[in-house]
Amino acid sequence: MAMIGNAEEQFYQILKDHIAKGVVADNLEIGFNGNVDFYELCKMYADVGLNAPKWKSKDGLHIEASFQFEDMDRVVDTTVAFIKQYEITNTDSLFEIIRVMHPYAVEWNDNRPRSTTTLKDDSNRYTPRVGNYTVFSQLPEDLFNEIKEAVISGKKNW
């Protein structure tokens, strides 16, 4: 295995592995390997989650976030430009690859919190701890679908 020198190289190695394993299909023919534009696009999706202010829910088991309209607008506009630039007609495949890959598009030296585990407070030390693990660079499915719909329809509904 070749030495990986930065986050972008790691991103493309993971993408190559996912394509080889059949996790995602590379049927867009835009040359993902080394396509800086695709890495930057996925990085913007990860930034939406990383930039959002976060806090614990009242039950202490979930993390709530306030996603920024500016970040979401930037992602929609950049995705539309990417689709036009590469003349992509199979947007479902593009969004599937973005959905799988965007959590990996984070620079190694990024100091923003990337994940957390929330545990339910339980005074009984003999019961198992219940909690949730949250990855901030991975967008919630409903938000990802809202962004996808905004790209496809051309209407930002936030």
C-alpha atoms as a PDB file:
ATOM      1  CA  MET A   1       0.000   0.000   0.000  1.00  0.00           C
ATOM      2  CA  ALA A   2       1.315   3.427  -0.910  1.00  0.00           C
ATOM      3  CA  MET A   3       2.049   6.067   1.706  1.00  0.00           C
ATOM      4  CA  ILE A   4      -0.819   8.497   2.147  1.00  0.00           C
ATOM      5  CA  GLY A   5       0.448  12.031   2.682  1.00  0.00           C
ATOM      6  CA  ASN A   6      -2.685  14.085   3.286  1.00  0.00           C
ATOM      7  CA  ALA A   7      -6.451  13.988   3.798  1.00  0.00           C
ATOM      8  CA  GLU A   8      -7.197  14.345   0.089  1.00  0.00           C
ATOM      9  CA  GLU A   9      -5.079  11.306  -0.829  1.00  0.00           C
ATOM     10  CA  GLN A  10      -6.760   9.354   1.964  1.00  0.00           C
ATOM     11  CA  PHE A  11     -10.185  10.441   0.668  1.00  0.00           C
ATOM     12  CA  TYR A  12      -9.421   9.139  -2.827  1.00  0.00           C
ATOM     13  CA  GLN A  13      -7.985   5.884  -1.461  1.00  0.00           C
ATOM     14  CA  ILE A  14     -11.206   5.305   0.511  1.00  0.00           C
ATOM     15  CA  LEU A  15     -13.258   6.150  -2.594  1.00  0.00           C
ATOM     16  CA  LYS A  16     -11.195   3.716  -4.679  1.00  0.00           C
ATOM     17  CA  ASP A  17     -11.710   0.992  -2.037  1.00  0.00           C
ATOM     18  CA  HIS A  18     -15.468   1.678  -1.893  1.00  0.00           C
ATOM     19  CA  ILE A  19     -15.726   1.435  -5.690  1.00  0.00           C
ATOM     20  CA  ALA A  20     -13.725  -1.822  -5.694  1.00  0.00           C
ATOM     21  CA  LYS A  21     -15.937  -3.314  -2.951  1.00  0.00           C
ATOM     22  CA  GLY A  22     -19.139  -2.213  -4.696  1.00  0.00           C
ATOM     23  CA  VAL A  23     -20.188   0.164  -1.906  1.00  0.00           C
ATOM     24  CA  VAL A  24     -20.592   2.882  -4.548  1.00  0.00           C
ATOM     25  CA  ALA A  25     -20.654   2.671  -8.329  1.00  0.00           C
ATOM     26  CA  ASP A  26     -18.369   4.838 -10.431  1.00  0.00           C
ATOM     27  CA  ASN A  27     -20.685   5.221 -13.401  1.00  0.00           C
ATOM     28  CA  LEU A  28     -20.435   8.990 -13.777  1.00  0.00           C
ATOM     29  CA  GLU A  29     -17.250   8.914 -15.882  1.00  0.00           C
ATOM     30  CA  ILE A  30     -15.855  12.166 -14.499  1.00  0.00           C
ATOM     31  CA  GLY A  31     -12.537  10.778 -13.342  1.00  0.00           C
ATOM     32  CA  PHE A  32     -12.900  10.798  -9.561  1.00  0.00           C
ATOM     33  CA  ASN A  33      -9.325   9.725  -8.983  1.00  0.00           C
ATOM     34  CA  GLY A  34      -7.484  12.990  -8.450  1.00  0.00           C
ATOM     35  CA  ASN A  35     -10.486  15.194  -9.214  1.00  0.00           C
ATOM     36  CA  VAL A  36      -9.859  18.029  -6.759  1.00  0.00           C
ATOM     37  CA  ASP A  37     -13.277  19.503  -7.474  1.00  0.00           C
ATOM     38  CA  PHE A  38     -15.022  16.382  -6.135  1.00  0.00           C
ATOM     39  CA  TYR A  39     -12.970  16.359  -2.929  1.00  0.00           C
ATOM     40  CA  GLU A  40     -13.727  20.057  -2.386  1.00  0.00           C
ATOM     41  CA  LEU A  41     -17.431  19.450  -3.054  1.00  0.00           C
ATOM     42  CA  CYS A  42     -17.582  16.659  -0.479  1.00  0.00           C
ATOM     43  CA  LYS A  43     -15.608  18.818   1.943  1.00  0.00           C
ATOM     44  CA  MET A  44     -18.325  21.487   1.709  1.00  0.00           C
ATOM     45  CA  TYR A  45     -20.947  18.891   2.670  1.00  0.00           C
ATOM     46  CA  ALA A  46     -18.846  17.898   5.691  1.00  0.00           C
ATOM     47  CA  ASP A  47     -18.415  21.591   6.591  1.00  0.00           C
ATOM     48  CA  VAL A  48     -22.194  22.011   6.914  1.00  0.00           C
ATOM     49  CA  GLY A  49     -22.155  19.567   9.823  1.00  0.00           C
ATOM     50  CA  LEU A  50     -18.847  20.663  11.311  1.00  0.00           C
ATOM     51  CA  ASN A  51     -19.724  24.387  11.314  1.00  0.00           C
ATOM     52  CA  ALA A  52     -23.133  23.961  12.951  1.00  0.00           C
ATOM     53  CA  PRO A  53     -23.412  25.031  16.607  1.00  0.00           C
ATOM     54  CA  LYS A  54     -24.254  21.941  18.688  1.00  0.00           C
ATOM     55  CA  TRP A  55     -25.722  21.234  22.120  1.00  0.00           C
ATOM     56  CA  LYS A  56     -27.046  18.278  24.104  1.00  0.00           C
ATOM     57  CA  SER A  57     -30.771  17.592  24.019  1.00  0.00           C
ATOM     58  CA  LYS A  58     -32.791  17.777  27.248  1.00  0.00           C
ATOM     59  CA  ASP A  59     -32.670  13.993  27.668  1.00  0.00           C
ATOM     60  CA  GLY A  60     -28.879  14.148  27.330  1.00  0.00           C
ATOM     61  CA  LEU A  61     -28.814  11.332  24.775  1.00  0.00           C
ATOM     62  CA  HIS A  62     -28.780  13.287  21.548  1.00  0.00           C
ATOM     63  CA  ILE A  63     -26.890  16.147  20.009  1.00  0.00           C
ATOM     64  CA  GLU A  64     -28.948  18.877  18.392  1.00  0.00           C
ATOM     65  CA  ALA A  65     -27.517  21.290  15.848  1.00  0.00           C
ATOM     66  CA  SER A  66     -28.380  24.522  14.122  1.00  0.00           C
ATOM     67  CA  PHE A  67     -27.227  24.206  10.523  1.00  0.00           C
ATOM     68  CA  GLN A  68     -26.235  27.484   8.897  1.00  0.00           C
ATOM     69  CA  PHE A  69     -28.172  28.672   5.837  1.00  0.00           C
ATOM     70  CA  GLU A  70     -25.008  30.201   4.385  1.00  0.00           C
ATOM     71  CA  ASP A  71     -23.239  26.802   4.426  1.00  0.00           C
ATOM     72  CA  MET A  72     -26.264  25.052   2.938  1.00  0.00           C
ATOM     73  CA  ASP A  73     -26.611  27.677   0.185  1.00  0.00           C
ATOM     74  CA  ARG A  74     -22.919  27.300  -0.667  1.00  0.00           C
ATOM     75  CA  VAL A  75     -23.292  23.507  -0.958  1.00  0.00           C
ATOM     76  CA  VAL A  76     -26.341  23.778  -3.216  1.00  0.00           C
ATOM     77  CA  ASP A  77     -24.737  26.369  -5.506  1.00  0.00           C
ATOM     78  CA  THR A  78     -21.455  24.431  -5.731  1.00  0.00           C
ATOM     79  CA  THR A  79     -23.243  21.144  -6.428  1.00  0.00           C
ATOM     80  CA  VAL A  80     -25.279  22.733  -9.230  1.00  0.00           C
ATOM     81  CA  ALA A  81     -22.083  24.190 -10.740  1.00  0.00           C
ATOM     82  CA  PHE A  82     -20.330  20.796 -10.426  1.00  0.00           C
ATOM     83  CA  ILE A  83     -23.210  19.030 -12.212  1.00  0.00           C
ATOM     84  CA  LYS A  84     -23.121  21.597 -15.019  1.00  0.00           C
ATOM     85  CA  GLN A  85     -19.326  21.586 -15.334  1.00  0.00           C
ATOM     86  CA  TYR A  86     -19.125  17.801 -15.701  1.00  0.00           C
ATOM     87  CA  GLU A  87     -22.442  17.513 -17.582  1.00  0.00           C
ATOM     88  CA  ILE A  88     -23.742  14.918 -15.122  1.00  0.00           C
ATOM     89  CA  THR A  89     -27.119  13.459 -15.999  1.00  0.00           C
ATOM     90  CA  ASN A  90     -27.164  10.659 -13.418  1.00  0.00           C
ATOM     91  CA  THR A  91     -27.638  12.815 -10.319  1.00  0.00           C
ATOM     92  CA  ASP A  92     -28.846   9.872  -8.206  1.00  0.00           C
ATOM     93  CA  SER A  93     -25.439   8.210  -8.552  1.00  0.00           C
ATOM     94  CA  LEU A  94     -23.657  11.474  -7.789  1.00  0.00           C
ATOM     95  CA  PHE A  95     -25.669  12.033  -4.605  1.00  0.00           C
ATOM     96  CA  GLU A  96     -25.150   8.427  -3.497  1.00  0.00           C
ATOM     97  CA  ILE A  97     -21.380   8.833  -3.821  1.00  0.00           C
ATOM     98  CA  ILE A  98     -21.480  12.201  -2.011  1.00  0.00           C
ATOM     99  CA  ARG A  99     -23.655  10.704   0.765  1.00  0.00           C
ATOM    100  CA  VAL A 100     -21.146   7.902   1.352  1.00  0.00           C
ATOM    101  CA  MET A 101     -17.955   9.938   0.904  1.00  0.00           C
ATOM    102  CA  HIS A 102     -18.548  13.386   2.427  1.00  0.00           C
ATOM    103  CA  PRO A 103     -17.720  12.346   6.033  1.00  0.00           C
ATOM    104  CA  TYR A 104     -14.179  11.459   4.844  1.00  0.00           C
ATOM    105  CA  ALA A 105     -13.501  14.896   3.326  1.00  0.00           C
ATOM    106  CA  VAL A 106     -12.053  16.509   6.452  1.00  0.00           C
ATOM    107  CA  GLU A 107      -8.494  17.803   6.698  1.00  0.00           C
ATOM    108  CA  TRP A 108      -6.282  15.994   9.200  1.00  0.00           C
ATOM    109  CA  ASN A 109      -5.412  19.205  11.045  1.00  0.00           C
ATOM    110  CA  ASP A 110      -9.041  20.401  11.308  1.00  0.00           C
ATOM    111  CA  ASN A 111      -9.541  21.395  14.947  1.00  0.00           C
ATOM    112  CA  ARG A 112     -13.344  21.454  14.915  1.00  0.00           C
ATOM    113  CA  PRO A 113     -14.942  18.699  17.016  1.00  0.00           C
ATOM    114  CA  ARG A 114     -15.583  15.703  14.730  1.00  0.00           C
ATOM    115  CA  SER A 115     -17.596  13.390  16.967  1.00  0.00           C
ATOM    116  CA  THR A 116     -18.981  12.825  20.433  1.00  0.00           C
ATOM    117  CA  THR A 117     -20.592  10.136  22.543  1.00  0.00           C
ATOM    118  CA  THR A 118     -23.524  11.028  24.760  1.00  0.00           C
ATOM    119  CA  LEU A 119     -24.323   8.720  27.650  1.00  0.00           C
ATOM    120  CA  LYS A 120     -27.476   8.511  29.748  1.00  0.00           C
ATOM    121  CA  ASP A 121     -26.769   9.331  33.372  1.00  0.00           C
ATOM    122  CA  ASP A 122     -27.574   6.293  35.485  1.00  0.00           C
ATOM    123  CA  SER A 123     -26.777   6.074  39.154  1.00  0.00           C
ATOM    124  CA  ASN A 124     -26.956   2.274  39.102  1.00  0.00           C
ATOM    125  CA  ARG A 125     -23.421   1.260  38.205  1.00  0.00           C
ATOM    126  CA  TYR A 126     -24.453  -2.332  37.461  1.00  0.00           C
ATOM    127  CA  THR A 127     -26.592  -1.515  34.418  1.00  0.00           C
ATOM    128  CA  PRO A 128     -25.048  -1.052  30.980  1.00  0.00           C
ATOM    129  CA  ARG A 129     -24.524   2.536  29.847  1.00  0.00           C
ATOM    130  CA  VAL A 130     -26.876   3.691  27.105  1.00  0.00           C
ATOM    131  CA  GLY A 131     -25.771   6.346  24.648  1.00  0.00           C
ATOM    132  CA  ASN A 132     -25.285   7.549  21.105  1.00  0.00           C
ATOM    133  CA  TYR A 133     -22.208   8.177  18.985  1.00  0.00           C
ATOM    134  CA  THR A 134     -22.474  11.155  16.649  1.00  0.00           C
ATOM    135  CA  VAL A 135     -20.163  11.992  13.737  1.00  0.00           C
ATOM    136  CA  PHE A 136     -20.451  15.721  13.043  1.00  0.00           C
ATOM    137  CA  SER A 137     -18.997  15.561   9.529  1.00  0.00           C
ATOM    138  CA  GLN A 138     -21.821  13.241   8.425  1.00  0.00           C
ATOM    139  CA  LEU A 139     -25.008  15.121   7.645  1.00  0.00           C
ATOM    140  CA  PRO A 140     -28.289  13.805   9.039  1.00  0.00           C
ATOM    141  CA  GLU A 141     -30.249  11.988   6.346  1.00  0.00           C
ATOM    142  CA  ASP A 142     -33.148  14.478   6.383  1.00  0.00           C
ATOM    143  CA  LEU A 143     -30.828  17.458   5.893  1.00  0.00           C
ATOM    144  CA  PHE A 144     -28.900  15.675   3.145  1.00  0.00           C
ATOM    145  CA  ASN A 145     -32.205  14.969   1.375  1.00  0.00           C
ATOM    146  CA  GLU A 146     -33.256  18.637   1.723  1.00  0.00           C
ATOM    147  CA  ILE A 147     -30.008  19.753   0.086  1.00  0.00           C
ATOM    148  CA  LYS A 148     -30.420  17.138  -2.656  1.00  0.00           C
ATOM    149  CA  GLU A 149     -33.987  18.336  -3.322  1.00  0.00           C
ATOM    150  CA  ALA A 150     -32.826  21.973  -3.447  1.00  0.00           C
ATOM    151  CA  VAL A 151     -30.175  21.056  -6.023  1.00  0.00           C
ATOM    152  CA  ILE A 152     -32.625  19.101  -8.179  1.00  0.00           C
ATOM    153  CA  SER A 153     -35.561  21.538  -7.945  1.00  0.00           C
ATOM    154  CA  GLY A 154     -33.551  24.758  -7.869  1.00  0.00           C
ATOM    155  CA  LYS A 155     -35.568  25.918  -4.822  1.00  0.00           C
ATOM    156  CA  LYS A 156     -34.019  26.420  -1.410  1.00  0.00           C
ATOM    157  CA  ASN A 157     -36.760  25.777   1.149  1.00  0.00           C
ATOM    158  CA  TRP A 158     -35.025  26.783   4.335  1.00  0.00           C
END
